[in-house]
Amino acid sequence: MRSCLSSLSVGLFALGLFVQGAPAADMTTEAVIDLLRTASEKNPPDFSGKDLSRLDLAGANFKRANLARANLAGANLAGANLFGANLTGANLTGANLRRANLDVTLLGNADLTNADLTQASLFGVLLTKAILVEANLSGARIIANLTRPVVVFYMLDVFPEPCHAFWIRFIPPIDDPNSLEFPPS
């Protein structure tokens, strides 16, 4: 019995070493939701530069929030309302943005590598120099300003019928949009 407890203690200590190395978010999910509730049209919430990585913020209302340079890597923003939010320079690597409303959102210089934008709405979005490497845009509705994007992503939905393919390859500068290759070689 004593050796089992000793082994368990060593295992928990080792686990603590690995868990301790993971940086914590600047705020808790509850604190973010509380700030969003007290926000108003004249006083939108300001999360600029904050670390909100890996938080579960599904369905949260970030309407017109300032999230410039925020770290939202791995955050769950499924179904969130990000209408008119400023996400300039934000890190959204691996974020879940399924069915999120990103209409009129500023995403210039944002990193959306491996982000899940399935069925998201991106009307009137600014994606200047945004990075969308391996982003999943299945079923997303997009009308965006792609002026000089640093965008190289390929997504092929290979699930059973119907099979949809979406390819895009923009590498600035694009002098002749007709010279783009679909699908890329």
N, C-alpha and C. Protein backbone atom coordinates (compact mmCIF):
# COMPACT_ATOMS: atom_id res chain seq x y z
N MET A 1 0.83 -1.19 0.00
CA MET A 1 0.00 0.00 0.00
C MET A 1 0.88 1.26 0.00
N ARG A 2 1.93 1.22 0.82
CA ARG A 2 2.81 2.38 0.92
C ARG A 2 3.51 2.66 -0.42
N SER A 3 3.92 1.60 -1.16
CA SER A 3 4.58 1.81 -2.45
C SER A 3 3.60 2.34 -3.49
N CYS A 4 2.33 1.96 -3.40
CA CYS A 4 1.31 2.49 -4.32
C CYS A 4 1.14 3.99 -4.09
N LEU A 5 1.08 4.39 -2.81
CA LEU A 5 0.93 5.82 -2.50
C LEU A 5 2.18 6.59 -2.93
N SER A 6 3.33 5.98 -2.74
CA SER A 6 4.58 6.62 -3.14
C SER A 6 4.62 6.82 -4.65
N SER A 7 4.22 5.80 -5.41
CA SER A 7 4.18 5.90 -6.87
C SER A 7 3.17 6.95 -7.32
N LEU A 8 2.03 6.98 -6.63
CA LEU A 8 1.00 7.98 -6.96
C LEU A 8 1.51 9.39 -6.71
N SER A 9 2.22 9.58 -5.61
CA SER A 9 2.77 10.90 -5.28
C SER A 9 3.77 11.36 -6.34
N VAL A 10 4.64 10.45 -6.76
CA VAL A 10 5.64 10.77 -7.78
C VAL A 10 4.93 11.12 -9.09
N GLY A 11 3.90 10.35 -9.45
CA GLY A 11 3.14 10.61 -10.67
C GLY A 11 2.45 11.96 -10.64
N LEU A 12 1.81 12.30 -9.52
CA LEU A 12 1.13 13.58 -9.40
C LEU A 12 2.12 14.73 -9.43
N PHE A 13 3.30 14.55 -8.80
CA PHE A 13 4.33 15.58 -8.83
C PHE A 13 4.80 15.83 -10.26
N ALA A 14 5.06 14.74 -11.00
CA ALA A 14 5.51 14.86 -12.40
C ALA A 14 4.43 15.54 -13.24
N LEU A 15 3.17 15.16 -13.02
CA LEU A 15 2.07 15.79 -13.76
C LEU A 15 2.02 17.28 -13.46
N GLY A 16 2.23 17.64 -12.21
CA GLY A 16 2.25 19.06 -11.82
C GLY A 16 3.34 19.84 -12.52
N LEU A 17 4.49 19.21 -12.76
CA LEU A 17 5.56 19.89 -13.48
C LEU A 17 5.15 20.22 -14.90
N PHE A 18 4.46 19.28 -15.57
CA PHE A 18 4.05 19.51 -16.95
C PHE A 18 2.91 20.51 -17.02
N VAL A 19 1.94 20.42 -16.14
CA VAL A 19 0.80 21.33 -16.15
C VAL A 19 1.25 22.75 -15.81
N GLN A 20 2.19 22.87 -14.89
CA GLN A 20 2.67 24.17 -14.47
C GLN A 20 3.30 24.94 -15.63
N GLY A 21 3.89 24.22 -16.60
CA GLY A 21 4.54 24.87 -17.72
C GLY A 21 3.58 25.53 -18.69
N ALA A 22 2.28 25.18 -18.65
CA ALA A 22 1.29 25.77 -19.54
C ALA A 22 0.87 27.13 -19.00
N PRO A 23 1.06 28.20 -19.78
CA PRO A 23 0.69 29.52 -19.28
C PRO A 23 -0.82 29.65 -19.11
N ALA A 24 -1.21 30.37 -18.08
CA ALA A 24 -2.63 30.58 -17.80
C ALA A 24 -3.12 31.82 -18.53
N ALA A 25 -4.39 31.85 -18.83
CA ALA A 25 -5.00 33.02 -19.46
C ALA A 25 -5.00 34.17 -18.46
N ASP A 26 -5.02 35.41 -18.97
CA ASP A 26 -5.05 36.59 -18.11
C ASP A 26 -6.35 36.68 -17.32
N MET A 27 -7.42 36.13 -17.87
CA MET A 27 -8.74 36.24 -17.27
C MET A 27 -9.43 34.89 -17.29
N THR A 28 -10.40 34.72 -16.42
CA THR A 28 -11.21 33.51 -16.43
C THR A 28 -12.40 33.72 -17.37
N THR A 29 -13.02 32.63 -17.74
CA THR A 29 -14.22 32.72 -18.58
C THR A 29 -15.28 33.57 -17.89
N GLU A 30 -15.46 33.37 -16.60
CA GLU A 30 -16.47 34.12 -15.84
C GLU A 30 -16.19 35.62 -15.85
N ALA A 31 -14.92 36.00 -15.70
CA ALA A 31 -14.55 37.43 -15.70
C ALA A 31 -14.83 38.06 -17.06
N VAL A 32 -14.52 37.33 -18.13
CA VAL A 32 -14.77 37.84 -19.48
C VAL A 32 -16.28 38.03 -19.69
N ILE A 33 -17.07 37.03 -19.32
CA ILE A 33 -18.53 37.11 -19.49
C ILE A 33 -19.10 38.27 -18.68
N ASP A 34 -18.62 38.48 -17.46
CA ASP A 34 -19.09 39.60 -16.63
C ASP A 34 -18.80 40.94 -17.30
N LEU A 35 -17.58 41.10 -17.87
CA LEU A 35 -17.25 42.35 -18.56
C LEU A 35 -18.11 42.55 -19.80
N LEU A 36 -18.41 41.47 -20.50
CA LEU A 36 -19.26 41.56 -21.68
C LEU A 36 -20.68 41.98 -21.30
N ARG A 37 -21.17 41.50 -20.18
CA ARG A 37 -22.53 41.85 -19.73
C ARG A 37 -22.65 43.32 -19.37
N THR A 38 -21.59 43.91 -18.81
CA THR A 38 -21.64 45.32 -18.39
C THR A 38 -21.30 46.28 -19.52
N ALA A 39 -20.85 45.75 -20.65
CA ALA A 39 -20.48 46.61 -21.78
C ALA A 39 -21.72 47.24 -22.41
N SER A 40 -21.51 48.35 -23.08
CA SER A 40 -22.60 49.03 -23.77
C SER A 40 -22.11 49.50 -25.13
N GLU A 41 -23.04 50.02 -25.90
CA GLU A 41 -22.71 50.55 -27.24
C GLU A 41 -21.66 51.66 -27.13
N LYS A 42 -21.79 52.52 -26.13
CA LYS A 42 -20.86 53.63 -25.95
C LYS A 42 -19.59 53.21 -25.21
N ASN A 43 -19.65 52.08 -24.52
CA ASN A 43 -18.50 51.61 -23.76
C ASN A 43 -18.25 50.13 -24.06
N PRO A 44 -17.75 49.84 -25.28
CA PRO A 44 -17.52 48.43 -25.64
C PRO A 44 -16.36 47.85 -24.81
N PRO A 45 -16.36 46.55 -24.62
CA PRO A 45 -15.31 45.94 -23.81
C PRO A 45 -13.95 46.00 -24.49
N ASP A 46 -12.90 46.16 -23.69
CA ASP A 46 -11.54 46.25 -24.21
C ASP A 46 -10.71 45.08 -23.67
N PHE A 47 -10.40 44.15 -24.56
CA PHE A 47 -9.57 42.99 -24.22
C PHE A 47 -8.27 43.04 -25.02
N SER A 48 -7.89 44.21 -25.49
CA SER A 48 -6.70 44.32 -26.34
C SER A 48 -5.47 43.83 -25.59
N GLY A 49 -4.71 42.97 -26.28
CA GLY A 49 -3.47 42.43 -25.72
C GLY A 49 -3.65 41.39 -24.63
N LYS A 50 -4.87 41.03 -24.30
CA LYS A 50 -5.12 40.07 -23.21
C LYS A 50 -4.93 38.64 -23.70
N ASP A 51 -4.54 37.77 -22.78
CA ASP A 51 -4.42 36.35 -23.07
C ASP A 51 -5.72 35.67 -22.67
N LEU A 52 -6.52 35.31 -23.66
CA LEU A 52 -7.79 34.62 -23.44
C LEU A 52 -7.71 33.22 -24.06
N SER A 53 -6.50 32.72 -24.20
CA SER A 53 -6.30 31.43 -24.86
C SER A 53 -6.98 30.31 -24.09
N ARG A 54 -7.51 29.38 -24.87
CA ARG A 54 -8.14 28.15 -24.38
C ARG A 54 -9.38 28.38 -23.51
N LEU A 55 -9.93 29.58 -23.46
CA LEU A 55 -11.15 29.81 -22.69
C LEU A 55 -12.36 29.33 -23.46
N ASP A 56 -13.39 28.89 -22.75
CA ASP A 56 -14.65 28.48 -23.38
C ASP A 56 -15.58 29.68 -23.40
N LEU A 57 -15.63 30.36 -24.53
CA LEU A 57 -16.43 31.57 -24.70
C LEU A 57 -17.51 31.36 -25.77
N ALA A 58 -17.96 30.12 -25.88
CA ALA A 58 -18.98 29.78 -26.88
C ALA A 58 -20.23 30.60 -26.64
N GLY A 59 -20.73 31.21 -27.72
CA GLY A 59 -21.97 31.98 -27.66
C GLY A 59 -21.84 33.36 -27.02
N ALA A 60 -20.65 33.75 -26.64
CA ALA A 60 -20.45 35.06 -25.99
C ALA A 60 -20.69 36.20 -26.98
N ASN A 61 -21.14 37.35 -26.44
CA ASN A 61 -21.43 38.51 -27.26
C ASN A 61 -20.28 39.52 -27.16
N PHE A 62 -19.38 39.46 -28.15
CA PHE A 62 -18.23 40.37 -28.23
C PHE A 62 -18.51 41.52 -29.20
N LYS A 63 -19.76 41.87 -29.42
CA LYS A 63 -20.12 42.90 -30.39
C LYS A 63 -19.32 44.18 -30.13
N ARG A 64 -18.57 44.61 -31.16
CA ARG A 64 -17.75 45.82 -31.17
C ARG A 64 -16.63 45.81 -30.11
N ALA A 65 -16.28 44.66 -29.60
CA ALA A 65 -15.21 44.56 -28.60
C ALA A 65 -13.85 44.83 -29.23
N ASN A 66 -12.94 45.36 -28.44
CA ASN A 66 -11.57 45.56 -28.88
C ASN A 66 -10.76 44.35 -28.43
N LEU A 67 -10.39 43.51 -29.38
CA LEU A 67 -9.59 42.31 -29.12
C LEU A 67 -8.28 42.38 -29.91
N ALA A 68 -7.84 43.60 -30.23
CA ALA A 68 -6.61 43.78 -31.00
C ALA A 68 -5.45 43.15 -30.24
N ARG A 69 -4.65 42.37 -30.94
CA ARG A 69 -3.48 41.69 -30.40
C ARG A 69 -3.79 40.74 -29.25
N ALA A 70 -5.06 40.37 -29.08
CA ALA A 70 -5.43 39.41 -28.02
C ALA A 70 -4.99 38.01 -28.42
N ASN A 71 -4.68 37.19 -27.44
CA ASN A 71 -4.33 35.80 -27.69
C ASN A 71 -5.56 34.95 -27.42
N LEU A 72 -6.17 34.47 -28.49
CA LEU A 72 -7.36 33.61 -28.42
C LEU A 72 -7.04 32.22 -28.97
N ALA A 73 -5.79 31.84 -28.92
CA ALA A 73 -5.37 30.54 -29.44
C ALA A 73 -6.09 29.43 -28.70
N GLY A 74 -6.70 28.54 -29.46
CA GLY A 74 -7.40 27.40 -28.88
C GLY A 74 -8.68 27.73 -28.15
N ALA A 75 -9.12 28.98 -28.21
CA ALA A 75 -10.35 29.38 -27.51
C ALA A 75 -11.57 28.82 -28.23
N ASN A 76 -12.61 28.53 -27.46
CA ASN A 76 -13.88 28.08 -28.04
C ASN A 76 -14.78 29.30 -28.19
N LEU A 77 -14.93 29.76 -29.42
CA LEU A 77 -15.78 30.91 -29.74
C LEU A 77 -16.93 30.48 -30.64
N ALA A 78 -17.31 29.21 -30.56
CA ALA A 78 -18.38 28.68 -31.40
C ALA A 78 -19.67 29.46 -31.14
N GLY A 79 -20.28 29.94 -32.20
CA GLY A 79 -21.54 30.67 -32.08
C GLY A 79 -21.42 32.05 -31.45
N ALA A 80 -20.21 32.52 -31.24
CA ALA A 80 -20.00 33.85 -30.62
C ALA A 80 -20.38 34.95 -31.59
N ASN A 81 -20.83 36.09 -31.04
CA ASN A 81 -21.14 37.27 -31.84
C ASN A 81 -19.94 38.21 -31.76
N LEU A 82 -19.17 38.26 -32.85
CA LEU A 82 -18.00 39.13 -32.93
C LEU A 82 -18.26 40.27 -33.92
N PHE A 83 -19.52 40.61 -34.12
CA PHE A 83 -19.90 41.65 -35.08
C PHE A 83 -19.16 42.95 -34.76
N GLY A 84 -18.44 43.47 -35.75
CA GLY A 84 -17.76 44.75 -35.60
C GLY A 84 -16.60 44.76 -34.63
N ALA A 85 -16.14 43.59 -34.20
CA ALA A 85 -15.03 43.53 -33.25
C ALA A 85 -13.71 43.85 -33.94
N ASN A 86 -12.78 44.38 -33.18
CA ASN A 86 -11.44 44.64 -33.68
C ASN A 86 -10.54 43.50 -33.25
N LEU A 87 -10.19 42.63 -34.18
CA LEU A 87 -9.30 41.50 -33.92
C LEU A 87 -7.98 41.68 -34.68
N THR A 88 -7.60 42.92 -34.92
CA THR A 88 -6.38 43.22 -35.64
C THR A 88 -5.18 42.65 -34.89
N GLY A 89 -4.40 41.83 -35.58
CA GLY A 89 -3.20 41.24 -34.97
C GLY A 89 -3.48 40.18 -33.92
N ALA A 90 -4.72 39.73 -33.81
CA ALA A 90 -5.07 38.72 -32.80
C ALA A 90 -4.54 37.35 -33.19
N ASN A 91 -4.23 36.54 -32.19
CA ASN A 91 -3.82 35.16 -32.40
C ASN A 91 -5.03 34.26 -32.20
N LEU A 92 -5.56 33.74 -33.29
CA LEU A 92 -6.72 32.85 -33.27
C LEU A 92 -6.33 31.46 -33.74
N THR A 93 -5.07 31.10 -33.54
CA THR A 93 -4.57 29.80 -33.97
C THR A 93 -5.36 28.69 -33.29
N GLY A 94 -5.93 27.82 -34.10
CA GLY A 94 -6.67 26.68 -33.57
C GLY A 94 -7.96 27.03 -32.85
N ALA A 95 -8.43 28.25 -33.00
CA ALA A 95 -9.68 28.67 -32.33
C ALA A 95 -10.89 28.03 -33.00
N ASN A 96 -11.91 27.73 -32.21
CA ASN A 96 -13.16 27.20 -32.72
C ASN A 96 -14.11 28.38 -32.94
N LEU A 97 -14.33 28.73 -34.20
CA LEU A 97 -15.21 29.83 -34.57
C LEU A 97 -16.41 29.31 -35.39
N ARG A 98 -16.79 28.06 -35.14
CA ARG A 98 -17.93 27.47 -35.86
C ARG A 98 -19.18 28.33 -35.63
N ARG A 99 -19.87 28.63 -36.72
CA ARG A 99 -21.13 29.39 -36.68
C ARG A 99 -21.01 30.75 -36.00
N ALA A 100 -19.79 31.28 -35.89
CA ALA A 100 -19.59 32.59 -35.27
C ALA A 100 -19.99 33.70 -36.26
N ASN A 101 -20.46 34.81 -35.72
CA ASN A 101 -20.78 35.99 -36.52
C ASN A 101 -19.58 36.92 -36.48
N LEU A 102 -18.86 36.97 -37.61
CA LEU A 102 -17.69 37.83 -37.73
C LEU A 102 -17.94 38.98 -38.71
N ASP A 103 -19.22 39.32 -38.92
CA ASP A 103 -19.56 40.37 -39.87
C ASP A 103 -18.92 41.70 -39.44
N VAL A 104 -18.39 42.42 -40.42
CA VAL A 104 -17.78 43.74 -40.24
C VAL A 104 -16.66 43.72 -39.20
N THR A 105 -15.95 42.60 -39.12
CA THR A 105 -14.87 42.44 -38.16
C THR A 105 -13.54 42.81 -38.80
N LEU A 106 -12.65 43.41 -38.02
CA LEU A 106 -11.31 43.75 -38.48
C LEU A 106 -10.38 42.61 -38.10
N LEU A 107 -9.87 41.89 -39.11
CA LEU A 107 -8.98 40.76 -38.88
C LEU A 107 -7.63 40.96 -39.56
N GLY A 108 -7.25 42.21 -39.81
CA GLY A 108 -5.97 42.48 -40.43
C GLY A 108 -4.83 41.97 -39.56
N ASN A 109 -3.86 41.31 -40.17
CA ASN A 109 -2.70 40.75 -39.49
C ASN A 109 -3.06 39.69 -38.45
N ALA A 110 -4.27 39.19 -38.46
CA ALA A 110 -4.67 38.15 -37.51
C ALA A 110 -4.15 36.80 -37.98
N ASP A 111 -3.83 35.93 -37.03
CA ASP A 111 -3.37 34.58 -37.34
C ASP A 111 -4.50 33.60 -37.06
N LEU A 112 -5.08 33.08 -38.13
CA LEU A 112 -6.18 32.11 -38.04
C LEU A 112 -5.72 30.72 -38.47
N THR A 113 -4.45 30.42 -38.28
CA THR A 113 -3.91 29.12 -38.65
C THR A 113 -4.68 28.02 -37.92
N ASN A 114 -5.14 27.04 -38.67
CA ASN A 114 -5.90 25.89 -38.14
C ASN A 114 -7.19 26.28 -37.43
N ALA A 115 -7.69 27.47 -37.65
CA ALA A 115 -8.96 27.88 -37.03
C ALA A 115 -10.12 27.18 -37.73
N ASP A 116 -11.15 26.89 -36.97
CA ASP A 116 -12.35 26.25 -37.52
C ASP A 116 -13.41 27.33 -37.72
N LEU A 117 -13.62 27.73 -38.97
CA LEU A 117 -14.60 28.75 -39.32
C LEU A 117 -15.80 28.12 -40.04
N THR A 118 -16.07 26.87 -39.76
CA THR A 118 -17.17 26.16 -40.40
C THR A 118 -18.48 26.91 -40.17
N GLN A 119 -19.18 27.21 -41.24
CA GLN A 119 -20.48 27.89 -41.24
C GLN A 119 -20.44 29.26 -40.56
N ALA A 120 -19.27 29.87 -40.47
CA ALA A 120 -19.16 31.21 -39.90
C ALA A 120 -19.61 32.24 -40.94
N SER A 121 -20.03 33.40 -40.46
CA SER A 121 -20.43 34.50 -41.34
C SER A 121 -19.36 35.57 -41.29
N LEU A 122 -18.79 35.88 -42.47
CA LEU A 122 -17.72 36.87 -42.57
C LEU A 122 -18.06 37.90 -43.65
N PHE A 123 -19.14 38.64 -43.45
CA PHE A 123 -19.54 39.67 -44.41
C PHE A 123 -18.84 40.98 -44.08
N GLY A 124 -18.21 41.58 -45.09
CA GLY A 124 -17.56 42.88 -44.91
C GLY A 124 -16.36 42.82 -44.00
N VAL A 125 -15.68 41.69 -43.96
CA VAL A 125 -14.54 41.50 -43.07
C VAL A 125 -13.26 41.99 -43.74
N LEU A 126 -12.38 42.60 -42.95
CA LEU A 126 -11.07 43.03 -43.45
C LEU A 126 -10.06 41.96 -43.09
N LEU A 127 -9.48 41.30 -44.09
CA LEU A 127 -8.52 40.22 -43.88
C LEU A 127 -7.12 40.58 -44.40
N THR A 128 -6.81 41.86 -44.45
CA THR A 128 -5.51 42.29 -44.96
C THR A 128 -4.39 41.67 -44.15
N LYS A 129 -3.51 40.95 -44.83
CA LYS A 129 -2.36 40.27 -44.24
C LYS A 129 -2.74 39.25 -43.17
N ALA A 130 -3.96 38.74 -43.22
CA ALA A 130 -4.37 37.68 -42.30
C ALA A 130 -3.75 36.36 -42.74
N ILE A 131 -3.49 35.50 -41.79
CA ILE A 131 -2.92 34.19 -42.07
C ILE A 131 -4.01 33.14 -41.84
N LEU A 132 -4.33 32.41 -42.90
CA LEU A 132 -5.40 31.41 -42.84
C LEU A 132 -4.88 30.03 -43.25
N VAL A 133 -3.68 29.69 -42.83
CA VAL A 133 -3.09 28.41 -43.19
C VAL A 133 -3.90 27.28 -42.55
N GLU A 134 -4.39 26.37 -43.40
CA GLU A 134 -5.17 25.21 -42.96
C GLU A 134 -6.44 25.57 -42.20
N ALA A 135 -6.94 26.78 -42.39
CA ALA A 135 -8.21 27.16 -41.76
C ALA A 135 -9.35 26.40 -42.44
N ASN A 136 -10.32 25.98 -41.68
CA ASN A 136 -11.47 25.25 -42.23
C ASN A 136 -12.59 26.26 -42.48
N LEU A 137 -12.89 26.49 -43.74
CA LEU A 137 -13.94 27.44 -44.13
C LEU A 137 -15.14 26.72 -44.74
N SER A 138 -15.35 25.47 -44.38
CA SER A 138 -16.48 24.70 -44.91
C SER A 138 -17.79 25.40 -44.58
N GLY A 139 -18.55 25.73 -45.60
CA GLY A 139 -19.86 26.33 -45.40
C GLY A 139 -19.84 27.76 -44.92
N ALA A 140 -18.67 28.37 -44.81
CA ALA A 140 -18.58 29.76 -44.37
C ALA A 140 -19.07 30.69 -45.47
N ARG A 141 -19.72 31.78 -45.07
CA ARG A 141 -20.18 32.79 -46.02
C ARG A 141 -19.22 33.96 -45.91
N ILE A 142 -18.51 34.24 -47.01
CA ILE A 142 -17.44 35.24 -46.95
C ILE A 142 -17.59 36.30 -48.03
N ILE A 143 -17.65 37.54 -47.59
CA ILE A 143 -17.47 38.70 -48.47
C ILE A 143 -16.46 39.54 -47.73
N ALA A 144 -15.21 39.54 -48.22
CA ALA A 144 -14.12 40.13 -47.45
C ALA A 144 -13.18 40.93 -48.32
N ASN A 145 -12.47 41.88 -47.69
CA ASN A 145 -11.42 42.62 -48.34
C ASN A 145 -10.15 41.81 -48.20
N LEU A 146 -9.69 41.25 -49.32
CA LEU A 146 -8.48 40.43 -49.31
C LEU A 146 -7.30 41.20 -49.88
N THR A 147 -7.24 42.50 -49.64
CA THR A 147 -6.16 43.32 -50.14
C THR A 147 -4.84 42.85 -49.55
N ARG A 148 -3.95 42.42 -50.40
CA ARG A 148 -2.62 41.97 -50.01
C ARG A 148 -2.61 41.02 -48.82
N PRO A 149 -3.39 39.99 -48.89
CA PRO A 149 -3.36 39.04 -47.77
C PRO A 149 -2.10 38.18 -47.81
N VAL A 150 -1.64 37.78 -46.67
CA VAL A 150 -0.59 36.78 -46.57
C VAL A 150 -1.34 35.51 -46.26
N VAL A 151 -1.97 34.98 -47.28
CA VAL A 151 -2.86 33.86 -47.11
C VAL A 151 -2.40 32.73 -48.00
N VAL A 152 -2.12 31.61 -47.41
CA VAL A 152 -1.84 30.41 -48.18
C VAL A 152 -2.53 29.29 -47.43
N PHE A 153 -3.68 28.88 -47.92
CA PHE A 153 -4.33 27.75 -47.26
C PHE A 153 -5.03 26.90 -48.28
N TYR A 154 -5.08 25.65 -47.95
CA TYR A 154 -5.74 24.68 -48.80
C TYR A 154 -6.64 23.85 -47.90
N MET A 155 -7.88 23.74 -48.20
CA MET A 155 -8.79 22.93 -47.42
C MET A 155 -9.60 22.11 -48.40
N LEU A 156 -9.58 20.84 -48.21
CA LEU A 156 -10.36 19.95 -49.04
C LEU A 156 -11.22 19.10 -48.14
N ASP A 157 -12.52 19.26 -48.27
CA ASP A 157 -13.47 18.48 -47.47
C ASP A 157 -13.65 17.15 -48.20
N VAL A 158 -13.12 16.08 -47.65
CA VAL A 158 -13.14 14.79 -48.33
C VAL A 158 -14.13 13.81 -47.70
N PHE A 159 -15.11 14.33 -47.00
CA PHE A 159 -16.11 13.47 -46.41
C PHE A 159 -17.05 12.95 -47.48
N PRO A 160 -17.79 11.87 -47.16
CA PRO A 160 -18.71 11.30 -48.16
C PRO A 160 -19.69 12.34 -48.71
N GLU A 161 -20.34 11.97 -49.76
CA GLU A 161 -21.24 12.85 -50.52
C GLU A 161 -21.96 13.87 -49.67
N PRO A 162 -22.17 15.08 -50.11
CA PRO A 162 -21.49 15.65 -51.27
C PRO A 162 -20.07 16.06 -50.90
N CYS A 163 -19.20 15.98 -51.85
CA CYS A 163 -17.80 16.32 -51.62
C CYS A 163 -17.55 17.72 -52.16
N HIS A 164 -17.12 18.60 -51.32
CA HIS A 164 -16.85 19.98 -51.71
C HIS A 164 -15.36 20.25 -51.63
N ALA A 165 -14.86 21.01 -52.54
CA ALA A 165 -13.46 21.40 -52.49
C ALA A 165 -13.37 22.91 -52.49
N PHE A 166 -12.49 23.44 -51.69
CA PHE A 166 -12.28 24.88 -51.65
C PHE A 166 -10.79 25.12 -51.67
N TRP A 167 -10.32 25.80 -52.68
CA TRP A 167 -8.90 26.08 -52.80
C TRP A 167 -8.73 27.58 -52.98
N ILE A 168 -7.76 28.13 -52.31
CA ILE A 168 -7.43 29.53 -52.54
C ILE A 168 -5.93 29.70 -52.31
N ARG A 169 -5.33 30.50 -53.14
CA ARG A 169 -3.90 30.73 -53.00
C ARG A 169 -3.62 32.16 -53.42
N PHE A 170 -3.47 33.05 -52.47
CA PHE A 170 -3.14 34.44 -52.75
C PHE A 170 -1.80 34.74 -52.09
N ILE A 171 -0.85 35.11 -52.88
CA ILE A 171 0.44 35.50 -52.33
C ILE A 171 0.76 36.87 -52.91
N PRO A 172 0.85 37.91 -52.06
CA PRO A 172 1.01 39.26 -52.57
C PRO A 172 2.34 39.44 -53.27
N PRO A 173 2.44 40.38 -54.19
CA PRO A 173 1.33 41.13 -54.76
C PRO A 173 0.65 40.32 -55.87
N ILE A 174 -0.61 40.57 -56.04
CA ILE A 174 -1.37 39.91 -57.10
C ILE A 174 -1.65 40.96 -58.17
N ASP A 175 -0.85 40.91 -59.20
CA ASP A 175 -1.03 41.88 -60.28
C ASP A 175 -2.17 41.48 -61.20
N ASP A 176 -2.34 40.18 -61.40
CA ASP A 176 -3.38 39.70 -62.30
C ASP A 176 -4.14 38.57 -61.63
N PRO A 177 -5.33 38.86 -61.06
CA PRO A 177 -6.11 37.80 -60.40
C PRO A 177 -6.44 36.64 -61.31
N ASN A 178 -6.45 36.89 -62.64
CA ASN A 178 -6.75 35.81 -63.58
C ASN A 178 -5.61 34.80 -63.68
N SER A 179 -4.43 35.16 -63.16
CA SER A 179 -3.30 34.26 -63.22
C SER A 179 -3.29 33.26 -62.07
N LEU A 180 -4.25 33.37 -61.15
CA LEU A 180 -4.31 32.43 -60.04
C LEU A 180 -4.63 31.04 -60.54
N GLU A 181 -4.07 30.07 -59.89
CA GLU A 181 -4.20 28.69 -60.29
C GLU A 181 -5.20 27.97 -59.39
N PHE A 182 -6.23 27.37 -59.95
CA PHE A 182 -7.24 26.63 -59.19
C PHE A 182 -7.41 25.27 -59.80
N PRO A 183 -7.24 24.16 -59.11
CA PRO A 183 -6.59 24.10 -57.81
C PRO A 183 -5.09 24.29 -57.99
N PRO A 184 -4.42 24.68 -56.89
CA PRO A 184 -2.98 24.90 -56.98
C PRO A 184 -2.23 23.62 -57.26
N SER A 185 -1.11 23.74 -57.92
CA SER A 185 -0.32 22.54 -58.21
C SER A 185 0.65 22.24 -57.11
